[in-house]
Protein backbone atom coordinates (compact mmCIF):
# COMPACT_ATOMS: atom_id res chain seq x y z
CA MET A 1 -12.86 -25.13 -25.28
CA GLU A 2 -12.49 -28.13 -27.56
CA ASN A 3 -9.16 -29.17 -29.03
CA ILE A 4 -8.86 -27.36 -32.37
CA ILE A 5 -6.90 -28.64 -35.39
CA GLU A 6 -4.82 -25.91 -37.09
CA ASN A 7 -2.89 -27.16 -40.13
CA ASN A 8 -0.68 -29.96 -38.72
CA TYR A 9 -0.77 -28.94 -35.07
CA LYS A 10 -3.55 -28.29 -32.57
CA TYR A 11 -4.41 -26.01 -29.67
CA LEU A 12 -5.06 -27.98 -26.53
CA ALA A 13 -7.50 -26.99 -23.84
CA LEU A 14 -5.58 -26.32 -20.59
CA ARG A 15 -7.39 -29.21 -18.93
CA ASP A 16 -5.95 -31.60 -21.53
CA ALA A 17 -2.52 -29.99 -21.63
CA MET A 18 -2.11 -30.42 -17.88
CA ILE A 19 -2.38 -34.20 -18.22
CA SER A 20 0.24 -34.28 -20.98
CA PRO A 21 3.59 -34.05 -19.14
CA ASN A 22 6.79 -33.81 -21.19
CA MET A 23 4.84 -32.98 -24.33
CA LYS A 24 5.13 -29.91 -26.54
CA VAL A 25 1.71 -28.30 -26.89
CA ASN A 26 0.04 -25.21 -28.33
CA LEU A 27 -2.21 -23.13 -26.10
CA LEU A 28 -4.61 -20.25 -26.59
CA ALA A 29 -5.68 -18.71 -23.30
CA VAL A 30 -6.36 -15.62 -21.20
CA VAL A 31 -3.57 -14.04 -19.16
CA VAL A 32 -4.75 -13.83 -15.54
CA GLU A 33 -1.54 -12.56 -13.97
CA SER A 34 1.81 -11.30 -15.22
CA GLY A 35 4.97 -11.75 -13.20
CA VAL A 36 7.90 -9.35 -12.90
CA PRO A 37 10.81 -10.11 -15.26
CA LYS A 38 14.00 -10.94 -13.39
CA LYS A 39 17.39 -12.55 -13.84
CA SER A 40 17.37 -16.34 -13.70
CA LYS A 41 19.97 -18.40 -11.87
CA GLY A 42 21.80 -18.72 -15.18
CA THR A 43 22.40 -16.14 -17.90
CA ASP A 44 18.78 -15.73 -19.02
CA TYR A 45 15.93 -13.56 -17.87
CA VAL A 46 12.72 -15.18 -16.69
CA CYS A 47 9.11 -14.24 -16.01
CA THR A 48 5.94 -16.18 -15.25
CA LEU A 49 2.45 -15.71 -16.62
CA LYS A 50 -0.65 -17.39 -15.25
CA ILE A 51 -3.25 -18.31 -17.87
CA MET A 52 -6.76 -19.75 -17.94
CA ASP A 53 -9.41 -20.87 -20.38
CA ALA A 54 -12.94 -22.30 -20.17
CA SER A 55 -11.61 -25.73 -19.25
CA HIS A 56 -9.38 -24.59 -16.37
CA LYS A 57 -10.08 -21.28 -14.64
CA ASP A 58 -8.84 -21.55 -11.06
CA PRO A 59 -6.00 -21.37 -10.15
CA GLY A 60 -4.87 -21.31 -13.79
CA LEU A 61 -1.69 -22.67 -15.37
CA SER A 62 1.72 -21.06 -14.82
CA VAL A 63 3.90 -20.55 -17.90
CA ASN A 64 7.61 -19.87 -17.31
CA PHE A 65 9.39 -17.87 -20.02
CA PHE A 66 13.14 -17.72 -20.57
CA ALA A 67 14.98 -15.30 -22.88
CA GLU A 68 18.48 -13.88 -23.26
CA ASP A 69 17.21 -10.33 -22.75
CA MET A 70 14.14 -8.81 -21.11
CA GLY A 71 12.84 -7.34 -24.36
CA LYS A 72 12.13 -10.84 -25.69
CA LEU A 73 9.94 -11.78 -22.72
CA PRO A 74 6.17 -11.19 -22.98
CA HIS A 75 5.10 -7.74 -21.80
CA VAL A 76 1.40 -8.03 -21.04
CA LYS A 77 -0.46 -4.74 -21.23
CA SER A 78 -3.40 -5.89 -19.13
CA SER A 79 -4.56 -8.95 -17.26
CA GLY A 80 -7.35 -10.39 -19.39
CA ASP A 81 -5.38 -10.13 -22.64
CA ILE A 82 -5.03 -13.22 -24.83
CA ILE A 83 -1.85 -15.19 -25.49
CA SER A 84 -1.16 -17.75 -28.18
CA LEU A 85 1.65 -20.18 -27.33
CA HIS A 86 3.31 -22.57 -29.77
CA HIS A 87 5.49 -25.49 -28.75
CA VAL A 88 5.68 -25.02 -24.99
CA MET A 89 6.65 -27.98 -22.83
CA ILE A 90 4.38 -29.27 -20.06
CA LYS A 91 6.40 -30.04 -16.95
CA ILE A 92 5.73 -31.25 -13.41
CA HIS A 93 7.85 -29.69 -10.67
CA ASN A 94 7.35 -30.51 -7.00
CA GLY A 95 3.92 -31.86 -7.83
CA ASP A 96 2.80 -28.69 -9.67
CA VAL A 97 2.05 -28.68 -13.38
CA ASN A 98 3.42 -25.78 -15.43
CA ALA A 99 4.35 -24.93 -18.99
CA VAL A 100 7.88 -23.94 -20.03
CA PHE A 101 8.62 -21.58 -22.92
CA ASN A 102 11.95 -22.51 -24.51
CA LYS A 103 13.66 -19.69 -26.38
CA LYS A 104 15.03 -22.15 -28.99
CA TYR A 105 11.77 -23.61 -30.28
CA SER A 106 8.78 -21.94 -28.54
CA SER A 107 6.93 -18.82 -29.75
CA PHE A 108 4.15 -16.55 -28.56
CA ALA A 109 1.88 -13.68 -29.53
CA LEU A 110 -0.15 -11.30 -27.34
CA PHE A 111 -3.54 -9.82 -28.26
CA GLY A 112 -5.85 -7.32 -26.59
CA ALA A 113 -8.97 -8.70 -24.92
CA GLU A 114 -11.61 -6.27 -26.17
CA PRO A 115 -13.79 -7.25 -29.17
CA SER A 116 -12.96 -3.86 -30.69
CA ASP A 117 -9.21 -4.53 -30.53
CA ASP A 118 -7.27 -5.34 -33.67
CA VAL A 119 -6.88 -9.09 -34.20
CA ASN A 120 -3.21 -8.51 -34.97
CA PRO A 121 -0.90 -9.07 -31.98
CA TYR A 122 0.62 -6.15 -30.09
CA GLN A 123 3.69 -8.30 -29.32
CA ILE A 124 4.97 -11.27 -31.27
CA SER A 125 8.07 -13.42 -30.88
CA SER A 126 10.42 -14.09 -33.78
CA LYS A 127 9.25 -17.65 -34.55
CA PHE A 128 5.49 -17.09 -34.28
CA LYS A 129 3.34 -17.41 -37.40
CA LEU A 130 -0.16 -15.97 -37.27
CA THR A 131 -2.86 -17.68 -39.38
CA ASP A 132 -6.44 -16.84 -40.28
CA ASN A 133 -7.51 -19.68 -38.02
CA ASP A 134 -5.73 -18.00 -35.10
CA LYS A 135 -7.73 -14.84 -35.75
CA GLU A 136 -11.00 -16.77 -35.74
CA LEU A 137 -10.16 -18.49 -32.46
CA ILE A 138 -9.11 -15.21 -30.83
CA THR A 139 -12.42 -13.63 -31.84
CA ARG A 140 -14.29 -16.58 -30.30
CA LEU A 141 -12.23 -16.33 -27.10
CA ARG A 142 -12.94 -12.60 -26.82
CA THR A 143 -16.65 -13.32 -27.17
CA TRP A 144 -16.43 -15.93 -24.41
CA LEU A 145 -14.69 -13.41 -22.19
CA LEU A 146 -17.61 -11.00 -22.44
CA ASP A 147 -19.78 -13.44 -20.46
CA HIS A 148 -17.01 -14.70 -18.18
CA GLN A 149 -15.48 -11.66 -16.56
CA PHE A 150 -12.83 -12.36 -13.98
CA ASP A 151 -11.16 -10.33 -11.26
CA ALA A 152 -7.39 -10.75 -11.48
CA GLY A 153 -6.94 -9.63 -7.90
CA ALA A 154 -9.70 -11.60 -6.21
CA ASN A 155 -9.07 -14.55 -3.92
CA ALA A 156 -9.84 -15.62 -0.38
CA TYR A 157 -6.56 -14.19 0.95
CA LEU A 158 -6.80 -10.77 -0.66
CA LEU A 159 -7.11 -7.97 1.88
CA GLN A 160 -7.11 -4.20 1.81
CA MET A 161 -4.85 -2.27 4.16
CA ARG A 162 -7.79 -1.46 6.40
CA GLU A 163 -8.22 -5.23 6.99
CA ILE A 164 -4.65 -6.30 7.77
CA ASN A 165 -3.72 -8.01 11.02
CA ALA A 166 -0.27 -8.50 12.52
CA GLY A 167 1.31 -11.86 11.74
CA ARG A 168 -1.29 -12.96 9.18
CA TYR A 169 -0.14 -13.85 5.67
CA PHE A 170 -2.29 -12.34 2.93
CA ASP A 171 -2.35 -10.93 -0.60
CA LEU A 172 -2.31 -7.21 -1.29
CA VAL A 173 -3.09 -5.23 -4.44
CA CYS A 174 -1.35 -1.87 -4.21
CA LYS A 175 0.37 0.93 -6.08
CA ILE A 176 4.14 1.50 -5.86
CA LEU A 177 4.64 5.13 -4.80
CA HIS A 178 8.35 5.20 -4.00
CA VAL A 179 11.34 2.88 -3.63
CA CYS A 180 14.53 3.66 -1.77
CA GLU A 181 17.59 1.92 -0.44
CA VAL A 182 18.56 2.66 3.14
CA PRO A 183 21.59 1.34 5.05
CA GLU A 184 19.68 0.04 8.06
CA HIS A 185 16.90 -1.81 6.22
CA GLY A 186 18.09 -2.44 2.65
CA TRP A 187 15.30 -1.70 0.20
CA ILE A 188 11.99 -0.17 1.27
CA LEU A 189 8.92 -0.01 -0.95
CA PHE A 190 6.24 2.58 -0.20
CA VAL A 191 2.88 1.22 -1.36
CA TRP A 192 -0.73 2.37 -1.13
CA ASP A 193 -4.24 1.11 -1.92
CA GLY A 194 -6.42 4.09 -0.92
CA THR A 195 -7.63 2.70 2.41
CA ASP A 196 -6.49 3.42 5.98
CA ALA A 197 -4.64 0.82 8.02
CA SER A 198 -6.28 0.13 11.37
CA PRO A 199 -5.06 2.42 14.18
CA ALA A 200 -2.88 0.60 16.69
CA SER A 201 -3.08 0.38 20.44
CA PHE A 202 0.02 1.33 22.45
CA ASP A 203 1.59 -0.40 25.41
CA THR A 204 4.87 1.52 25.56
CA SER A 205 5.65 3.53 28.66
CA LEU A 206 5.04 7.25 28.31
CA ASP A 207 7.94 7.76 30.71
CA ASP A 208 10.23 6.58 27.89
CA GLU A 209 9.30 9.53 25.68
CA ALA A 210 12.22 11.62 26.97
CA GLN A 211 14.97 9.13 26.06
CA ASN A 212 13.19 6.96 23.49
CA PRO A 213 10.49 9.02 21.76
CA LEU A 214 7.91 7.38 19.54
CA PRO A 215 9.33 7.59 15.98
CA LEU A 216 7.67 9.67 13.29
CA GLN A 217 8.61 7.13 10.59
CA LEU A 218 10.24 3.70 10.40
CA GLU A 219 13.09 4.74 8.12
CA HIS A 220 16.01 6.50 9.78
CA SER A 221 15.60 9.81 7.93
CA PRO A 222 12.30 11.35 6.82
CA LEU A 223 11.50 11.47 3.14
CA SER A 224 11.97 14.79 1.40
CA ARG A 225 9.01 17.10 0.86
CA ASP A 226 9.40 16.57 -2.89
CA VAL A 227 8.85 12.84 -2.47
CA LEU A 228 6.03 13.25 0.04
CA SER A 229 4.31 15.63 -2.38
CA THR A 230 3.84 12.72 -4.78
CA PHE A 231 1.91 10.71 -2.17
CA PRO A 232 -1.92 10.67 -2.22
CA ARG A 233 -3.82 12.92 0.20
CA VAL A 234 -5.64 10.07 1.93
CA GLY A 235 -4.84 6.45 2.66
CA THR A 236 -2.01 4.73 4.49
CA VAL A 237 1.36 4.48 2.76
CA LEU A 238 2.69 1.12 3.88
CA ARG A 239 6.43 0.58 4.18
CA ILE A 240 7.46 -2.86 2.88
CA PHE A 241 10.93 -4.03 3.83
CA ALA A 242 12.24 -6.17 0.98
CA GLY A 243 15.76 -7.01 2.17
CA LYS A 244 17.52 -9.63 0.06
CA PHE A 245 14.25 -10.51 -1.70
CA PHE A 246 14.22 -7.15 -3.51
CA GLU A 247 16.34 -8.44 -6.38
CA GLU A 248 15.09 -12.04 -6.17
CA LEU A 249 11.52 -10.90 -6.86
CA GLY A 250 12.59 -8.65 -9.71
CA LEU A 251 11.55 -5.47 -7.92
CA LYS A 252 14.26 -3.43 -9.64
CA SER A 253 12.25 -3.53 -12.84
CA LEU A 254 9.16 -1.96 -11.27
CA GLY A 255 8.34 1.64 -12.06
CA ILE A 256 6.82 4.27 -9.80
CA GLY A 257 3.05 4.25 -10.26
CA GLN A 258 2.91 0.54 -11.12
CA TRP A 259 0.04 -1.48 -9.65
CA VAL A 260 1.10 -4.88 -8.35
CA LYS A 261 -0.21 -7.79 -6.38
CA PHE A 262 1.91 -9.16 -3.55
CA ARG A 263 1.14 -12.75 -2.67
CA ASN A 264 1.84 -14.15 0.76
CA ILE A 265 3.01 -10.93 2.40
CA VAL A 266 2.96 -10.47 6.18
CA CYS A 267 2.59 -7.27 8.22
CA GLN A 268 3.77 -6.32 11.68
CA LEU A 269 3.53 -3.35 14.03
CA ARG A 270 6.55 -1.42 15.24
CA SER A 271 6.01 1.57 17.53
CA GLY A 272 2.37 1.61 16.41
CA LEU A 273 3.33 1.85 12.72
CA TRP A 274 2.38 -0.87 10.23
CA HIS A 275 5.03 -2.32 7.95
CA GLY A 276 5.17 -5.24 5.55
CA LEU A 277 7.83 -7.91 5.20
CA LEU A 278 8.77 -9.92 2.12
CA THR A 279 9.79 -13.53 2.68
CA SER A 280 10.97 -16.38 0.48
CA SER A 281 7.35 -17.49 0.01
CA CYS A 282 6.23 -14.08 -1.35
CA ARG A 283 5.31 -13.72 -5.02
CA LEU A 284 4.72 -10.63 -7.10
CA ARG A 285 2.42 -9.99 -10.06
CA ILE A 286 2.15 -6.92 -12.27
CA LEU A 287 -1.36 -5.54 -12.73
CA SER A 288 -2.68 -3.13 -15.32
CA ASP A 289 -4.51 0.12 -14.62
CA GLU A 290 -7.46 -1.48 -16.45
CA ASP A 291 -7.74 -4.45 -14.09
CA THR A 292 -11.09 -4.52 -12.33
CA ILE A 293 -9.66 -4.48 -8.83
CA VAL A 294 -7.24 -1.64 -9.67
CA MET A 295 -10.07 0.46 -11.04
CA GLN A 296 -12.06 -0.25 -7.85
CA ARG A 297 -9.17 1.02 -5.72
CA GLN A 298 -8.76 4.15 -7.83
CA ARG A 299 -12.51 4.84 -7.82
CA PHE A 300 -12.63 4.46 -4.03
CA TYR A 301 -9.86 7.05 -3.68
CA SER A 302 -11.61 9.47 -6.05
CA ASP A 303 -14.86 9.09 -4.11
CA ARG A 304 -13.07 9.87 -0.84
CA LEU A 305 -11.68 13.09 -2.25
CA THR A 306 -14.93 14.32 -3.79
CA SER A 307 -17.17 13.50 -0.82
CA GLY A 308 -15.29 15.91 1.47
CA LEU A 309 -15.92 14.19 4.80
CA ASP A 310 -14.41 10.91 3.58
CA ILE A 311 -11.02 12.59 3.80
CA LEU A 312 -11.43 11.92 7.53
CA PRO A 313 -9.86 8.68 8.79
CA LEU A 314 -12.14 5.74 8.01
CA SER A 315 -11.97 4.53 11.62
CA SER A 316 -13.20 7.92 12.91
CA PHE A 317 -16.63 7.33 11.31
CA PRO A 318 -19.06 8.95 11.67
CA TRP A 319 -17.12 11.80 13.33
CA PRO A 320 -14.09 12.36 15.58
CA SER A 321 -14.78 12.20 19.31
CA ARG A 322 -15.90 15.28 21.24
CA THR A 323 -12.75 15.21 23.33
CA THR A 324 -11.72 18.51 21.76
CA GLU A 325 -13.37 21.47 20.09
CA THR A 326 -11.86 24.12 17.82
CA ASP A 327 -12.41 27.76 16.94
CA TYR A 328 -12.66 26.82 13.25
CA GLU A 329 -15.68 24.53 13.06
CA GLY A 330 -16.43 25.50 9.45
CA MET A 331 -12.88 24.97 8.23
CA THR A 332 -12.24 22.14 5.73
CA PHE A 333 -10.30 19.18 7.09
CA SER A 334 -6.75 18.44 5.94
CA THR A 335 -4.63 15.35 6.43
CA LEU A 336 -1.15 15.37 7.95
CA ILE A 337 0.39 14.69 4.54
CA ASP A 338 -1.30 17.94 3.44
CA VAL A 339 0.41 19.67 6.36
CA LEU A 340 3.83 18.24 5.53
CA THR A 341 3.65 19.04 1.82
CA HIS A 342 1.94 22.44 1.85
CA SER A 343 3.51 24.86 -0.60
CA LYS A 344 3.91 27.62 1.99
CA VAL A 345 6.09 27.48 5.09
CA THR A 346 3.45 29.09 7.29
CA ALA A 347 -0.18 28.00 7.06
CA ILE A 348 -3.07 26.85 9.24
CA PHE A 349 -4.94 23.55 9.08
CA LYS A 350 -7.68 21.61 10.82
CA CYS A 351 -7.03 17.89 11.15
CA ALA A 352 -8.52 14.76 12.67
CA VAL A 353 -5.68 13.07 14.55
CA ARG A 354 -4.78 10.82 17.45
CA VAL A 355 -2.40 11.99 20.17
CA VAL A 356 -0.18 8.92 20.44
CA ALA A 357 2.47 10.38 22.77
CA ILE A 358 3.14 13.43 24.91
CA TYR A 359 6.29 14.92 26.43
CA PRO A 360 6.62 15.62 29.26
CA TRP A 361 4.14 13.02 30.43
CA ARG A 362 3.49 14.07 34.04
CA VAL A 363 1.08 17.00 34.40
CA ASP A 364 3.27 18.57 37.10
CA ASP A 365 5.89 19.11 34.38
CA PHE A 366 3.62 20.73 31.81
CA ARG A 367 4.69 24.24 32.74
CA SER A 368 8.36 25.10 32.47
CA PRO A 369 10.20 26.39 34.35
CA VAL A 370 8.25 24.75 37.16
CA GLY A 371 6.06 27.26 38.99
CA THR A 372 5.50 29.55 35.98
CA CYS A 373 2.35 29.84 33.87
CA VAL A 374 4.01 28.89 30.59
CA TYR A 375 2.85 25.60 29.08
CA ARG A 376 5.59 23.77 27.17
CA ILE A 377 4.49 20.40 25.81
CA ARG A 378 5.21 18.32 22.72
CA LEU A 379 2.45 16.13 21.30
CA THR A 380 2.99 13.35 18.77
CA LEU A 381 0.05 13.38 16.35
CA GLU A 382 -0.85 10.77 13.77
CA ASP A 383 -3.44 10.09 11.13
CA PRO A 384 -3.40 7.38 8.44
CA THR A 385 -1.07 9.48 6.25
CA ALA A 386 1.72 10.61 8.60
CA ARG A 387 3.00 11.47 12.07
CA ILE A 388 4.26 14.84 13.25
CA HIS A 389 5.34 16.60 16.43
CA ALA A 390 3.17 19.57 17.38
CA TYR A 391 3.85 21.85 20.32
CA VAL A 392 1.44 23.33 22.86
CA TYR A 393 3.03 26.52 24.12
CA GLY A 394 2.14 29.62 26.13
CA ASP A 395 -1.26 31.16 25.44
CA ASP A 396 -2.17 28.31 23.09
CA GLY A 397 -1.66 25.97 26.05
CA GLU A 398 -3.90 28.11 28.21
CA THR A 399 -6.62 27.80 25.56
CA PHE A 400 -5.98 24.08 25.11
CA PHE A 401 -6.32 23.27 28.82
CA ASN A 402 -8.93 25.97 29.53
CA GLY A 403 -6.66 27.89 31.88
CA TYR A 404 -4.77 26.26 34.73
CA PRO A 405 -6.95 23.50 36.20
CA PRO A 406 -5.91 21.45 39.26
CA ALA A 407 -3.58 18.50 38.65
CA ASP A 408 -6.31 15.88 39.09
CA VAL A 409 -8.58 17.58 36.53
CA LEU A 410 -5.70 17.98 34.11
CA THR A 411 -4.74 14.32 34.54
CA THR A 412 -8.29 13.19 33.72
CA LYS A 413 -8.28 15.27 30.53
CA ILE A 414 -4.88 13.98 29.42
CA ASN A 415 -5.84 10.36 30.13
CA LYS A 416 -8.88 10.77 27.92
CA LEU A 417 -6.79 12.35 25.16
CA LEU A 418 -4.23 9.53 25.28
CA GLY A 419 -6.80 6.74 25.51
CA ILE A 420 -5.96 5.69 29.06
CA THR A 421 -9.07 4.23 30.64
CA GLU A 422 -10.13 4.71 34.25
CA SER A 423 -9.67 1.00 34.93
CA ASN A 424 -5.99 1.35 33.98
CA SER A 425 -5.31 4.54 35.88
CA SER A 426 -3.21 5.02 39.03
CA GLU A 427 0.46 4.09 39.12
CA ASP A 428 0.27 1.76 36.13
CA GLU A 429 -1.49 4.21 33.83
CA CYS A 430 1.57 5.13 31.77
CA ASN A 431 2.24 1.45 30.93
CA ALA A 432 -1.34 0.32 30.29
CA PRO A 433 -2.46 -0.48 26.73
CA ARG A 434 -4.18 2.56 25.33
CA ASN A 435 -6.15 3.41 22.22
CA PRO A 436 -6.22 7.19 21.71
CA PRO A 437 -9.46 8.61 20.26
CA TRP A 438 -9.70 10.60 17.05
CA VAL A 439 -9.90 14.30 17.89
CA GLN A 440 -10.04 17.57 15.99
CA CYS A 441 -7.27 20.11 16.33
CA CYS A 442 -6.00 23.21 14.58
CA ILE A 443 -2.36 23.20 13.53
CA LYS A 444 -0.19 26.13 12.55
CA SER A 445 3.16 25.77 10.79
CA TYR A 446 5.97 28.24 11.54
CA TYR A 447 9.75 28.50 11.27
CA LEU A 448 12.55 29.14 13.71
CA ASP A 449 15.10 30.69 11.33
CA LYS A 450 14.02 33.24 8.70
CA SER A 451 17.14 32.55 6.64
CA ASN A 452 16.36 28.82 6.56
CA PRO A 453 12.56 28.50 6.88
CA TRP A 454 11.97 25.04 5.40
CA GLU A 455 14.69 23.31 7.39
CA THR A 456 13.49 24.90 10.63
CA ARG A 457 9.76 24.43 10.00
CA ARG A 458 7.77 23.35 13.07
CA TYR A 459 4.09 22.85 14.01
CA LYS A 460 2.01 23.97 16.96
CA ILE A 461 -1.53 23.47 18.24
CA PHE A 462 -3.72 26.59 18.40
CA GLY A 463 -7.42 27.45 18.56
CA THR A 464 -8.16 24.09 20.17
CA LYS A 465 -9.67 23.26 23.55
CA LEU A 466 -9.45 19.98 25.45
CA ILE A 467 -12.91 19.26 26.90
CA GLY A 468 -13.24 17.58 30.30
């Protein structure tokens, strides 16, 4: 866009403003990203917007705003909206060019991006004066936007949860589902994007399951059923450990249900569970529900729910393995979060899961007391939404193992269920890396104490057979 004279000042194209250090300029541009308001190192509050125009699209220009209270900072409704800035200072810091909004002499106004939107601003600072010329320029910028759509979330480092790898830094667009403070980890954010994180391989010893069982969650105590009931039915809920960066990144101001973009986040595996870590290099941007990439994520989730079979784990495509079969072939699949949050204490479900651990591990110990015909085993099941313990007991165990096969036959079946390959069998089999297959199983919930059913709720496998 050309420089435009407006009374006795002019709007500069971003390209020209960026070569005008230490000058006060006026800018009219599109908001690409909106940062989270937070406390500055002094007494003010600060937030950062990234803007673009036809002269400078990628990576845009950062504008830092300072105000004595958060209400005076810009509150962008949607990436793609238009901002008019008067008297902002162009600065160079550590080699990067940015604009600085000074609360004493700068002013701004925010406008919707759609041609049908009112030309009047939806937020205006105290010193801003809107002119007819501003309205004309905003209309022209909206028209330009129609032919120059942009994706606020797109870049070469943007991944979905199904694409993450341990140790790789990347960007993530996700929805904040829950935030809690826990003594052992500080602040934890629970985020989701509608996809399933890749299932992990395991190299922990199954002999450790007695003294050091595989955890069901990374936080010390499980979330309440009320909280879990707010989580989506499909898709991995990623735990992000924020630590001291929780307040530094302004995360306290985020609301549940807010879509955000984390920049430069890293993920790791612990006990086969994915978790994210925030570091000093991480940045956070607020996204609107109307952003293109957010709508893509939401549409993907809706499609998974309506298609029926897409509720199955994405990595089980096209179907779980034939390692098991059930007595309820026509039953609709549920996810483990469905199991955990079901409104009734007792219910039956069919799920596609992986058996990631078993206790006891040795087949000679499956029946207790030793020498009886009573199976007593605890399986650790997982799908992209949760982990649970489910028990194989008594007659259900007889069905599961098809009677009482010899130890060598039983061992072969269990190895297949746990993902232990023949090449890694023998004495090292319990320590070998393993990748359990997706299998079908029927789960029944029950309780141990009628006077306290929810607190004593447990799960068991039934109507399921392990095929040799």
